[in-house]
Amino acid sequence: MSRNGHPGGGVVERAIPDWPKLPRPLLVRAESLPAGSLARAHAHPWVQLSWARSGVLQVATATARYLAPPQRAIWIPAGVGHEVRTSGRAEMRSLYLASKLLSRGERCQVLTISPLVRELIVAAGGFAADYDEAGPEGRLVAVLLDALAAAPEVAFDLPLPRDRRAGPGRPDGRAD
C-alpha cells in the first residue's frame, strides 16, 4: 500500500461524464474518491462547481492552481479546461449547471461554502436526474442558485507564471 492509502501507489483515474446535454439545468454528481484520484484535463459545455464534503480537491487549469477544502468550492466556467486531483480520500460533489443559470464571469473562482450552501448541495445530491423542476426539488435548486450567486470569492488560488523564463507552468508543459 502506498503512503497515500491506495494499493500500488498509482493514480486512480476518474470517469468524466459524457452527456450530450444536462438532463436538468442543475445536476449534482456525488463521488467517493480514493486517495490519488485524477480526472485528466477536460472541459464541459456547462459550468462545474467542484466541492469536497470531506478531503481536499486540487484543480489545475492552464493559468492557475486552486485548492478546495470542505469550506471552499471551485467554480469552473463552461469550456475551461481543467483537471481535478485528490491526494487523500475525498467525498466530492460536482454541481453541473447550464451556463445560462448563473454567471460568475469567465474565470475560475474559489468560493466560500456556507453551512446553508453545504446542506443545499447535500440535499440536491439526493435528487434523481429527472427531478421535478416545478416541485419542491426545483424550488430547493432555485434557493441553491441564489446562495451560489451570493457566495463570496476568496483568494485560494496560485496563478502560474506567464514568462518563459519561469519555466513550463501549463498543464500541457508549454510556455506562453
N, C-alpha and C. Protein backbone atom coordinates (compact mmCIF):
# COMPACT_ATOMS: atom_id res chain seq x y z
N MET A 1 0.85 -1.18 0.00
CA MET A 1 0.00 0.00 0.00
C MET A 1 0.89 1.23 0.00
N SER A 2 0.53 2.23 -0.78
CA SER A 2 1.32 3.45 -0.86
C SER A 2 1.06 4.31 0.37
N ARG A 3 1.86 5.38 0.49
CA ARG A 3 1.67 6.24 1.65
C ARG A 3 0.39 7.06 1.56
N ASN A 4 -0.21 7.20 0.36
CA ASN A 4 -1.46 7.93 0.30
C ASN A 4 -2.68 7.01 0.37
N GLY A 5 -2.48 5.71 0.69
CA GLY A 5 -3.58 4.87 1.07
C GLY A 5 -4.23 4.02 0.00
N HIS A 6 -3.66 3.94 -1.19
CA HIS A 6 -4.26 3.04 -2.16
C HIS A 6 -3.22 2.06 -2.69
N PRO A 7 -3.66 0.86 -3.06
CA PRO A 7 -2.73 -0.18 -3.49
C PRO A 7 -1.92 0.26 -4.70
N GLY A 8 -0.65 -0.10 -4.72
CA GLY A 8 0.20 0.14 -5.87
C GLY A 8 0.77 1.54 -5.96
N GLY A 9 0.21 2.51 -5.27
CA GLY A 9 0.76 3.86 -5.27
C GLY A 9 0.49 4.65 -6.53
N GLY A 10 -0.29 4.13 -7.48
CA GLY A 10 -0.55 4.83 -8.73
C GLY A 10 -1.72 5.78 -8.64
N VAL A 11 -1.98 6.38 -9.78
CA VAL A 11 -3.10 7.31 -9.90
C VAL A 11 -4.37 6.51 -10.18
N VAL A 12 -5.47 6.91 -9.57
CA VAL A 12 -6.77 6.30 -9.79
C VAL A 12 -7.56 7.25 -10.68
N GLU A 13 -7.75 6.86 -11.95
CA GLU A 13 -8.44 7.76 -12.88
C GLU A 13 -9.94 7.71 -12.69
N ARG A 14 -10.55 8.90 -12.73
CA ARG A 14 -12.00 9.03 -12.61
C ARG A 14 -12.62 9.13 -13.99
N ALA A 15 -13.81 8.58 -14.11
CA ALA A 15 -14.57 8.72 -15.36
C ALA A 15 -15.15 10.13 -15.43
N ILE A 16 -15.18 10.68 -16.62
CA ILE A 16 -15.74 12.01 -16.84
C ILE A 16 -17.07 11.84 -17.55
N PRO A 17 -18.15 12.47 -17.07
CA PRO A 17 -19.45 12.31 -17.73
C PRO A 17 -19.39 12.71 -19.20
N ASP A 18 -20.00 11.91 -20.03
CA ASP A 18 -20.02 12.18 -21.46
C ASP A 18 -21.47 12.33 -21.92
N TRP A 19 -22.14 13.35 -21.40
CA TRP A 19 -23.53 13.60 -21.75
C TRP A 19 -23.58 14.59 -22.90
N PRO A 20 -24.50 14.41 -23.84
CA PRO A 20 -24.65 15.41 -24.90
C PRO A 20 -25.19 16.73 -24.34
N LYS A 21 -26.02 16.63 -23.29
CA LYS A 21 -26.51 17.81 -22.57
C LYS A 21 -26.94 17.37 -21.18
N LEU A 22 -27.10 18.33 -20.29
CA LEU A 22 -27.54 18.02 -18.94
C LEU A 22 -29.01 17.63 -18.94
N PRO A 23 -29.40 16.63 -18.13
CA PRO A 23 -30.81 16.24 -18.07
C PRO A 23 -31.69 17.30 -17.40
N ARG A 24 -31.11 18.12 -16.55
CA ARG A 24 -31.79 19.24 -15.89
C ARG A 24 -30.81 20.41 -15.85
N PRO A 25 -31.29 21.63 -15.65
CA PRO A 25 -30.37 22.78 -15.63
C PRO A 25 -29.30 22.71 -14.53
N LEU A 26 -29.58 21.96 -13.44
CA LEU A 26 -28.58 21.74 -12.40
C LEU A 26 -28.62 20.28 -12.02
N LEU A 27 -27.46 19.67 -11.97
CA LEU A 27 -27.34 18.27 -11.61
C LEU A 27 -26.19 18.14 -10.63
N VAL A 28 -26.35 17.34 -9.59
CA VAL A 28 -25.28 17.10 -8.61
C VAL A 28 -24.82 15.65 -8.76
N ARG A 29 -23.52 15.48 -8.92
CA ARG A 29 -22.92 14.15 -9.02
C ARG A 29 -22.09 13.92 -7.76
N ALA A 30 -22.38 12.85 -7.03
CA ALA A 30 -21.67 12.52 -5.80
C ALA A 30 -20.70 11.39 -6.07
N GLU A 31 -19.47 11.54 -5.56
CA GLU A 31 -18.45 10.51 -5.72
C GLU A 31 -17.65 10.36 -4.44
N SER A 32 -17.35 9.11 -4.09
CA SER A 32 -16.40 8.82 -3.02
C SER A 32 -15.08 8.50 -3.70
N LEU A 33 -14.10 9.34 -3.49
CA LEU A 33 -12.83 9.20 -4.21
C LEU A 33 -11.73 8.66 -3.31
N PRO A 34 -11.01 7.66 -3.79
CA PRO A 34 -9.85 7.18 -3.03
C PRO A 34 -8.70 8.17 -3.16
N ALA A 35 -7.72 8.03 -2.31
CA ALA A 35 -6.52 8.87 -2.41
C ALA A 35 -5.90 8.66 -3.78
N GLY A 36 -5.38 9.74 -4.34
CA GLY A 36 -4.72 9.65 -5.64
C GLY A 36 -5.65 9.68 -6.82
N SER A 37 -6.89 10.15 -6.65
CA SER A 37 -7.84 10.22 -7.76
C SER A 37 -7.46 11.34 -8.71
N LEU A 38 -7.73 11.12 -9.99
CA LEU A 38 -7.43 12.12 -11.01
C LEU A 38 -8.48 12.07 -12.11
N ALA A 39 -9.03 13.22 -12.45
CA ALA A 39 -9.81 13.39 -13.66
C ALA A 39 -8.90 14.18 -14.59
N ARG A 40 -8.39 13.53 -15.63
CA ARG A 40 -7.45 14.17 -16.55
C ARG A 40 -8.06 15.41 -17.19
N ALA A 41 -7.21 16.25 -17.78
CA ALA A 41 -7.64 17.51 -18.37
C ALA A 41 -8.81 17.30 -19.32
N HIS A 42 -9.85 18.09 -19.09
CA HIS A 42 -11.07 18.02 -19.89
C HIS A 42 -11.83 19.33 -19.73
N ALA A 43 -12.87 19.51 -20.50
CA ALA A 43 -13.75 20.68 -20.38
C ALA A 43 -15.17 20.21 -20.60
N HIS A 44 -16.12 21.00 -20.11
CA HIS A 44 -17.54 20.69 -20.26
C HIS A 44 -18.23 21.86 -20.96
N PRO A 45 -19.36 21.59 -21.63
CA PRO A 45 -20.14 22.70 -22.20
C PRO A 45 -21.04 23.36 -21.15
N TRP A 46 -20.86 22.99 -19.90
CA TRP A 46 -21.63 23.57 -18.79
C TRP A 46 -20.66 24.00 -17.69
N VAL A 47 -21.15 24.78 -16.75
CA VAL A 47 -20.37 25.21 -15.59
C VAL A 47 -20.24 24.03 -14.64
N GLN A 48 -19.09 23.95 -13.96
CA GLN A 48 -18.91 22.94 -12.92
C GLN A 48 -18.51 23.64 -11.62
N LEU A 49 -19.12 23.23 -10.53
CA LEU A 49 -18.68 23.65 -9.21
C LEU A 49 -18.18 22.39 -8.52
N SER A 50 -16.90 22.36 -8.19
CA SER A 50 -16.29 21.20 -7.52
C SER A 50 -16.17 21.49 -6.04
N TRP A 51 -16.76 20.62 -5.23
CA TRP A 51 -16.76 20.80 -3.77
C TRP A 51 -16.48 19.46 -3.10
N ALA A 52 -15.65 19.47 -2.09
CA ALA A 52 -15.35 18.27 -1.31
C ALA A 52 -16.06 18.36 0.03
N ARG A 53 -16.99 17.46 0.25
CA ARG A 53 -17.68 17.40 1.55
C ARG A 53 -16.66 17.03 2.63
N SER A 54 -15.69 16.19 2.24
CA SER A 54 -14.54 15.90 3.10
C SER A 54 -13.34 15.72 2.18
N GLY A 55 -12.16 15.96 2.72
CA GLY A 55 -10.95 15.89 1.89
C GLY A 55 -10.68 17.24 1.24
N VAL A 56 -9.72 17.24 0.33
CA VAL A 56 -9.32 18.47 -0.36
C VAL A 56 -9.22 18.19 -1.85
N LEU A 57 -9.81 19.08 -2.65
CA LEU A 57 -9.70 18.98 -4.10
C LEU A 57 -8.63 19.93 -4.59
N GLN A 58 -7.93 19.51 -5.63
CA GLN A 58 -6.94 20.35 -6.30
C GLN A 58 -7.36 20.44 -7.76
N VAL A 59 -7.60 21.64 -8.25
CA VAL A 59 -8.00 21.84 -9.64
C VAL A 59 -6.89 22.62 -10.33
N ALA A 60 -6.50 22.13 -11.52
CA ALA A 60 -5.46 22.80 -12.30
C ALA A 60 -6.06 23.23 -13.64
N THR A 61 -5.76 24.47 -14.02
CA THR A 61 -6.11 24.96 -15.35
C THR A 61 -4.81 25.42 -16.01
N ALA A 62 -4.91 25.94 -17.21
CA ALA A 62 -3.72 26.40 -17.92
C ALA A 62 -3.08 27.61 -17.25
N THR A 63 -3.84 28.32 -16.41
CA THR A 63 -3.31 29.56 -15.84
C THR A 63 -3.14 29.57 -14.33
N ALA A 64 -3.69 28.59 -13.63
CA ALA A 64 -3.62 28.63 -12.16
C ALA A 64 -3.90 27.26 -11.55
N ARG A 65 -3.62 27.17 -10.25
CA ARG A 65 -3.96 26.00 -9.43
C ARG A 65 -4.88 26.49 -8.32
N TYR A 66 -5.86 25.66 -7.98
CA TYR A 66 -6.86 26.02 -6.98
C TYR A 66 -6.98 24.89 -5.96
N LEU A 67 -7.21 25.25 -4.69
CA LEU A 67 -7.42 24.26 -3.64
C LEU A 67 -8.79 24.49 -3.01
N ALA A 68 -9.45 23.38 -2.67
CA ALA A 68 -10.76 23.50 -2.04
C ALA A 68 -10.91 22.48 -0.92
N PRO A 69 -10.69 22.92 0.33
CA PRO A 69 -11.08 22.11 1.47
C PRO A 69 -12.61 22.21 1.61
N PRO A 70 -13.23 21.51 2.56
CA PRO A 70 -14.70 21.48 2.64
C PRO A 70 -15.41 22.83 2.75
N GLN A 71 -14.77 23.85 3.24
CA GLN A 71 -15.44 25.15 3.34
C GLN A 71 -15.26 26.02 2.10
N ARG A 72 -14.71 25.44 1.03
CA ARG A 72 -14.48 26.14 -0.23
C ARG A 72 -14.94 25.24 -1.39
N ALA A 73 -15.21 25.86 -2.54
CA ALA A 73 -15.52 25.13 -3.76
C ALA A 73 -14.91 25.89 -4.93
N ILE A 74 -14.71 25.21 -6.03
CA ILE A 74 -14.08 25.83 -7.20
C ILE A 74 -15.11 25.94 -8.31
N TRP A 75 -15.33 27.17 -8.75
CA TRP A 75 -16.26 27.48 -9.84
C TRP A 75 -15.45 27.41 -11.13
N ILE A 76 -15.88 26.55 -12.05
CA ILE A 76 -15.17 26.35 -13.32
C ILE A 76 -16.14 26.69 -14.45
N PRO A 77 -15.94 27.81 -15.14
CA PRO A 77 -16.86 28.20 -16.22
C PRO A 77 -16.89 27.17 -17.35
N ALA A 78 -17.96 27.19 -18.11
CA ALA A 78 -18.11 26.30 -19.26
C ALA A 78 -16.94 26.50 -20.22
N GLY A 79 -16.44 25.39 -20.74
CA GLY A 79 -15.38 25.46 -21.74
C GLY A 79 -13.97 25.59 -21.20
N VAL A 80 -13.79 25.77 -19.90
CA VAL A 80 -12.45 25.92 -19.32
C VAL A 80 -11.85 24.54 -19.08
N GLY A 81 -10.70 24.28 -19.69
CA GLY A 81 -10.00 23.02 -19.48
C GLY A 81 -9.49 22.93 -18.06
N HIS A 82 -9.67 21.77 -17.44
CA HIS A 82 -9.24 21.61 -16.04
C HIS A 82 -9.02 20.13 -15.75
N GLU A 83 -8.21 19.88 -14.73
CA GLU A 83 -8.10 18.53 -14.19
C GLU A 83 -8.31 18.63 -12.69
N VAL A 84 -8.83 17.55 -12.11
CA VAL A 84 -9.14 17.53 -10.68
C VAL A 84 -8.40 16.36 -10.04
N ARG A 85 -7.69 16.65 -8.94
CA ARG A 85 -6.93 15.63 -8.22
C ARG A 85 -7.30 15.64 -6.74
N THR A 86 -7.06 14.49 -6.11
CA THR A 86 -7.10 14.41 -4.66
C THR A 86 -5.83 13.71 -4.21
N SER A 87 -5.24 14.18 -3.13
CA SER A 87 -4.08 13.48 -2.59
C SER A 87 -4.53 12.47 -1.54
N GLY A 88 -5.56 12.82 -0.78
CA GLY A 88 -6.15 11.91 0.20
C GLY A 88 -7.56 11.54 -0.25
N ARG A 89 -8.23 10.76 0.57
CA ARG A 89 -9.62 10.40 0.26
C ARG A 89 -10.48 11.66 0.27
N ALA A 90 -11.55 11.64 -0.53
CA ALA A 90 -12.45 12.80 -0.58
C ALA A 90 -13.86 12.35 -0.93
N GLU A 91 -14.82 13.05 -0.38
CA GLU A 91 -16.23 12.91 -0.76
C GLU A 91 -16.54 14.12 -1.62
N MET A 92 -16.57 13.93 -2.92
CA MET A 92 -16.71 15.05 -3.86
C MET A 92 -18.14 15.19 -4.35
N ARG A 93 -18.55 16.43 -4.51
CA ARG A 93 -19.81 16.75 -5.15
C ARG A 93 -19.48 17.67 -6.32
N SER A 94 -19.88 17.25 -7.50
CA SER A 94 -19.74 18.09 -8.70
C SER A 94 -21.12 18.61 -9.05
N LEU A 95 -21.26 19.92 -9.05
CA LEU A 95 -22.50 20.53 -9.50
C LEU A 95 -22.30 20.94 -10.94
N TYR A 96 -23.15 20.45 -11.82
CA TYR A 96 -23.10 20.81 -13.22
C TYR A 96 -24.28 21.74 -13.47
N LEU A 97 -24.01 22.93 -13.99
CA LEU A 97 -25.03 23.95 -14.18
C LEU A 97 -25.06 24.39 -15.64
N ALA A 98 -26.25 24.49 -16.19
CA ALA A 98 -26.39 25.08 -17.52
C ALA A 98 -25.82 26.49 -17.45
N SER A 99 -25.04 26.87 -18.45
CA SER A 99 -24.35 28.17 -18.44
C SER A 99 -25.28 29.35 -18.24
N LYS A 100 -26.51 29.25 -18.71
CA LYS A 100 -27.45 30.37 -18.61
C LYS A 100 -28.02 30.56 -17.21
N LEU A 101 -27.86 29.58 -16.32
CA LEU A 101 -28.46 29.65 -14.99
C LEU A 101 -27.87 30.73 -14.11
N LEU A 102 -26.56 30.83 -14.14
CA LEU A 102 -25.86 31.69 -13.19
C LEU A 102 -24.52 32.08 -13.79
N SER A 103 -24.25 33.35 -13.83
CA SER A 103 -22.97 33.81 -14.38
C SER A 103 -22.12 34.42 -13.29
N ARG A 104 -20.91 33.92 -13.19
CA ARG A 104 -19.93 34.49 -12.27
C ARG A 104 -18.70 34.92 -13.05
N GLY A 105 -18.84 35.14 -14.34
CA GLY A 105 -17.72 35.56 -15.17
C GLY A 105 -17.08 34.39 -15.89
N GLU A 106 -16.00 34.68 -16.58
CA GLU A 106 -15.35 33.71 -17.45
C GLU A 106 -14.08 33.11 -16.86
N ARG A 107 -13.85 33.29 -15.58
CA ARG A 107 -12.64 32.74 -14.97
C ARG A 107 -13.01 31.87 -13.77
N CYS A 108 -12.11 30.96 -13.45
CA CYS A 108 -12.33 30.11 -12.28
C CYS A 108 -12.26 30.95 -11.02
N GLN A 109 -13.00 30.53 -10.01
CA GLN A 109 -13.02 31.23 -8.72
C GLN A 109 -13.13 30.21 -7.60
N VAL A 110 -12.56 30.53 -6.46
CA VAL A 110 -12.75 29.73 -5.26
C VAL A 110 -13.81 30.46 -4.44
N LEU A 111 -14.88 29.74 -4.11
CA LEU A 111 -16.00 30.32 -3.39
C LEU A 111 -16.06 29.80 -1.96
N THR A 112 -16.55 30.63 -1.07
CA THR A 112 -16.83 30.21 0.30
C THR A 112 -18.13 29.42 0.31
N ILE A 113 -18.10 28.25 0.95
CA ILE A 113 -19.29 27.42 1.06
C ILE A 113 -19.81 27.54 2.49
N SER A 114 -20.92 28.24 2.63
CA SER A 114 -21.54 28.44 3.95
C SER A 114 -22.21 27.14 4.39
N PRO A 115 -22.55 27.05 5.68
CA PRO A 115 -23.30 25.87 6.13
C PRO A 115 -24.61 25.67 5.36
N LEU A 116 -25.29 26.77 5.01
CA LEU A 116 -26.53 26.66 4.25
C LEU A 116 -26.26 26.06 2.86
N VAL A 117 -25.27 26.59 2.15
CA VAL A 117 -24.95 26.08 0.82
C VAL A 117 -24.54 24.62 0.90
N ARG A 118 -23.74 24.29 1.91
CA ARG A 118 -23.33 22.89 2.10
C ARG A 118 -24.55 21.98 2.18
N GLU A 119 -25.51 22.32 3.00
CA GLU A 119 -26.69 21.47 3.19
C GLU A 119 -27.58 21.45 1.94
N LEU A 120 -27.64 22.56 1.22
CA LEU A 120 -28.41 22.58 -0.03
C LEU A 120 -27.77 21.66 -1.08
N ILE A 121 -26.44 21.67 -1.15
CA ILE A 121 -25.74 20.77 -2.09
C ILE A 121 -25.99 19.32 -1.71
N VAL A 122 -25.87 19.01 -0.42
CA VAL A 122 -26.10 17.64 0.04
C VAL A 122 -27.53 17.20 -0.31
N ALA A 123 -28.50 18.06 -0.05
CA ALA A 123 -29.89 17.71 -0.36
C ALA A 123 -30.09 17.51 -1.87
N ALA A 124 -29.57 18.42 -2.68
CA ALA A 124 -29.72 18.31 -4.14
C ALA A 124 -29.00 17.08 -4.68
N GLY A 125 -27.98 16.64 -3.99
CA GLY A 125 -27.26 15.43 -4.40
C GLY A 125 -28.12 14.18 -4.29
N GLY A 126 -29.20 14.24 -3.55
CA GLY A 126 -30.10 13.11 -3.42
C GLY A 126 -31.22 13.09 -4.45
N PHE A 127 -31.28 14.12 -5.31
CA PHE A 127 -32.35 14.20 -6.30
C PHE A 127 -32.06 13.28 -7.48
N ALA A 128 -33.11 12.70 -8.04
CA ALA A 128 -32.98 11.94 -9.29
C ALA A 128 -32.61 12.92 -10.41
N ALA A 129 -32.00 12.40 -11.46
CA ALA A 129 -31.58 13.24 -12.58
C ALA A 129 -32.76 13.92 -13.27
N ASP A 130 -33.95 13.36 -13.10
CA ASP A 130 -35.15 13.95 -13.72
C ASP A 130 -36.08 14.56 -12.66
N TYR A 131 -35.49 15.22 -11.64
CA TYR A 131 -36.29 15.81 -10.58
C TYR A 131 -37.32 16.79 -11.16
N ASP A 132 -38.37 17.02 -10.39
CA ASP A 132 -39.45 17.90 -10.81
C ASP A 132 -39.02 19.36 -10.64
N GLU A 133 -38.76 20.01 -11.75
CA GLU A 133 -38.30 21.41 -11.70
C GLU A 133 -39.35 22.36 -11.14
N ALA A 134 -40.62 21.99 -11.23
CA ALA A 134 -41.70 22.86 -10.73
C ALA A 134 -42.11 22.49 -9.31
N GLY A 135 -41.55 21.41 -8.76
CA GLY A 135 -41.93 20.95 -7.43
C GLY A 135 -40.93 21.36 -6.37
N PRO A 136 -40.97 20.70 -5.22
CA PRO A 136 -40.09 21.03 -4.11
C PRO A 136 -38.59 20.98 -4.47
N GLU A 137 -38.19 19.98 -5.28
CA GLU A 137 -36.79 19.88 -5.67
C GLU A 137 -36.36 21.11 -6.48
N GLY A 138 -37.22 21.51 -7.41
CA GLY A 138 -36.91 22.69 -8.23
C GLY A 138 -36.81 23.96 -7.39
N ARG A 139 -37.65 24.07 -6.38
CA ARG A 139 -37.59 25.25 -5.50
C ARG A 139 -36.30 25.25 -4.68
N LEU A 140 -35.88 24.06 -4.20
CA LEU A 140 -34.63 23.97 -3.46
C LEU A 140 -33.45 24.34 -4.36
N VAL A 141 -33.48 23.87 -5.61
CA VAL A 141 -32.43 24.22 -6.57
C VAL A 141 -32.39 25.73 -6.78
N ALA A 142 -33.54 26.38 -6.85
CA ALA A 142 -33.58 27.84 -7.02
C ALA A 142 -32.92 28.54 -5.83
N VAL A 143 -33.17 28.05 -4.62
CA VAL A 143 -32.53 28.64 -3.43
C VAL A 143 -31.02 28.41 -3.49
N LEU A 144 -30.61 27.21 -3.90
CA LEU A 144 -29.18 26.92 -4.03
C LEU A 144 -28.53 27.87 -5.04
N LEU A 145 -29.17 28.11 -6.16
CA LEU A 145 -28.62 29.04 -7.15
C LEU A 145 -28.50 30.45 -6.59
N ASP A 146 -29.51 30.90 -5.85
CA ASP A 146 -29.44 32.22 -5.22
C ASP A 146 -28.26 32.28 -4.24
N ALA A 147 -28.09 31.23 -3.47
CA ALA A 147 -26.99 31.19 -2.48
C ALA A 147 -25.63 31.16 -3.18
N LEU A 148 -25.51 30.44 -4.28
CA LEU A 148 -24.24 30.40 -5.02
C LEU A 148 -23.93 31.76 -5.67
N ALA A 149 -24.97 32.43 -6.13
CA ALA A 149 -24.76 33.77 -6.72
C ALA A 149 -24.19 34.74 -5.69
N ALA A 150 -24.57 34.56 -4.42
CA ALA A 150 -24.12 35.45 -3.35
C ALA A 150 -22.86 34.95 -2.64
N ALA A 151 -22.39 33.76 -2.97
CA ALA A 151 -21.22 33.19 -2.27
C ALA A 151 -19.98 34.04 -2.54
N PRO A 152 -19.29 34.46 -1.49
CA PRO A 152 -18.11 35.30 -1.68
C PRO A 152 -16.94 34.51 -2.28
N GLU A 153 -16.20 35.19 -3.14
CA GLU A 153 -14.97 34.63 -3.69
C GLU A 153 -13.84 34.86 -2.69
N VAL A 154 -12.93 33.90 -2.58
CA VAL A 154 -11.76 34.03 -1.72
C VAL A 154 -10.51 33.76 -2.55
N ALA A 155 -9.41 34.37 -2.15
CA ALA A 155 -8.14 34.17 -2.85
C ALA A 155 -7.51 32.87 -2.35
N PHE A 156 -7.82 31.78 -3.02
CA PHE A 156 -7.31 30.47 -2.65
C PHE A 156 -6.77 29.79 -3.90
N ASP A 157 -6.07 30.61 -4.72
CA ASP A 157 -5.53 30.10 -5.96
C ASP A 157 -4.07 30.52 -6.08
N LEU A 158 -3.35 29.86 -6.96
CA LEU A 158 -1.96 30.17 -7.23
C LEU A 158 -1.82 30.38 -8.73
N PRO A 159 -1.77 31.65 -9.17
CA PRO A 159 -1.57 31.90 -10.59
C PRO A 159 -0.22 31.35 -11.04
N LEU A 160 -0.19 30.82 -12.25
CA LEU A 160 1.06 30.28 -12.78
C LEU A 160 1.83 31.38 -13.50
N PRO A 161 3.16 31.28 -13.53
CA PRO A 161 3.96 32.29 -14.22
C PRO A 161 3.65 32.28 -15.71
N ARG A 162 3.69 33.44 -16.33
CA ARG A 162 3.40 33.56 -17.75
C ARG A 162 4.65 33.87 -18.55
N ASP A 163 5.75 34.10 -17.89
CA ASP A 163 7.00 34.42 -18.56
C ASP A 163 7.77 33.12 -18.85
N ARG A 164 8.28 32.96 -20.06
CA ARG A 164 9.01 31.75 -20.44
C ARG A 164 10.19 31.46 -19.52
N ARG A 165 10.79 32.50 -18.99
CA ARG A 165 11.97 32.31 -18.13
C ARG A 165 11.62 31.60 -16.82
N ALA A 166 10.35 31.59 -16.46
CA ALA A 166 9.94 30.90 -15.23
C ALA A 166 9.77 29.40 -15.44
N GLY A 167 9.85 28.94 -16.68
CA GLY A 167 9.72 27.53 -16.97
C GLY A 167 8.30 27.16 -17.30
N PRO A 168 8.10 25.89 -17.67
CA PRO A 168 6.74 25.47 -18.06
C PRO A 168 5.82 25.54 -16.86
N GLY A 169 4.66 26.15 -17.07
CA GLY A 169 3.70 26.28 -15.99
C GLY A 169 2.32 25.78 -16.35
N ARG A 170 2.15 25.44 -17.62
CA ARG A 170 0.83 24.99 -18.06
C ARG A 170 0.72 23.48 -17.93
N PRO A 171 -0.49 22.95 -17.73
CA PRO A 171 -0.64 21.51 -17.61
C PRO A 171 -0.12 20.74 -18.82
N ASP A 172 -0.12 21.38 -20.01
CA ASP A 172 0.40 20.68 -21.20
C ASP A 172 1.90 20.88 -21.37
N GLY A 173 2.56 21.57 -20.41
CA GLY A 173 4.01 21.74 -20.43
C GLY A 173 4.51 22.84 -21.33
N ARG A 174 3.61 23.54 -22.05
CA ARG A 174 4.04 24.62 -22.93
C ARG A 174 4.10 25.94 -22.17
N ALA A 175 5.01 26.77 -22.56
CA ALA A 175 5.05 28.13 -22.02
C ALA A 175 4.29 29.03 -22.98
N ASP A 176 3.76 30.14 -22.50
CA ASP A 176 3.05 31.09 -23.38
C ASP A 176 4.03 31.82 -24.25
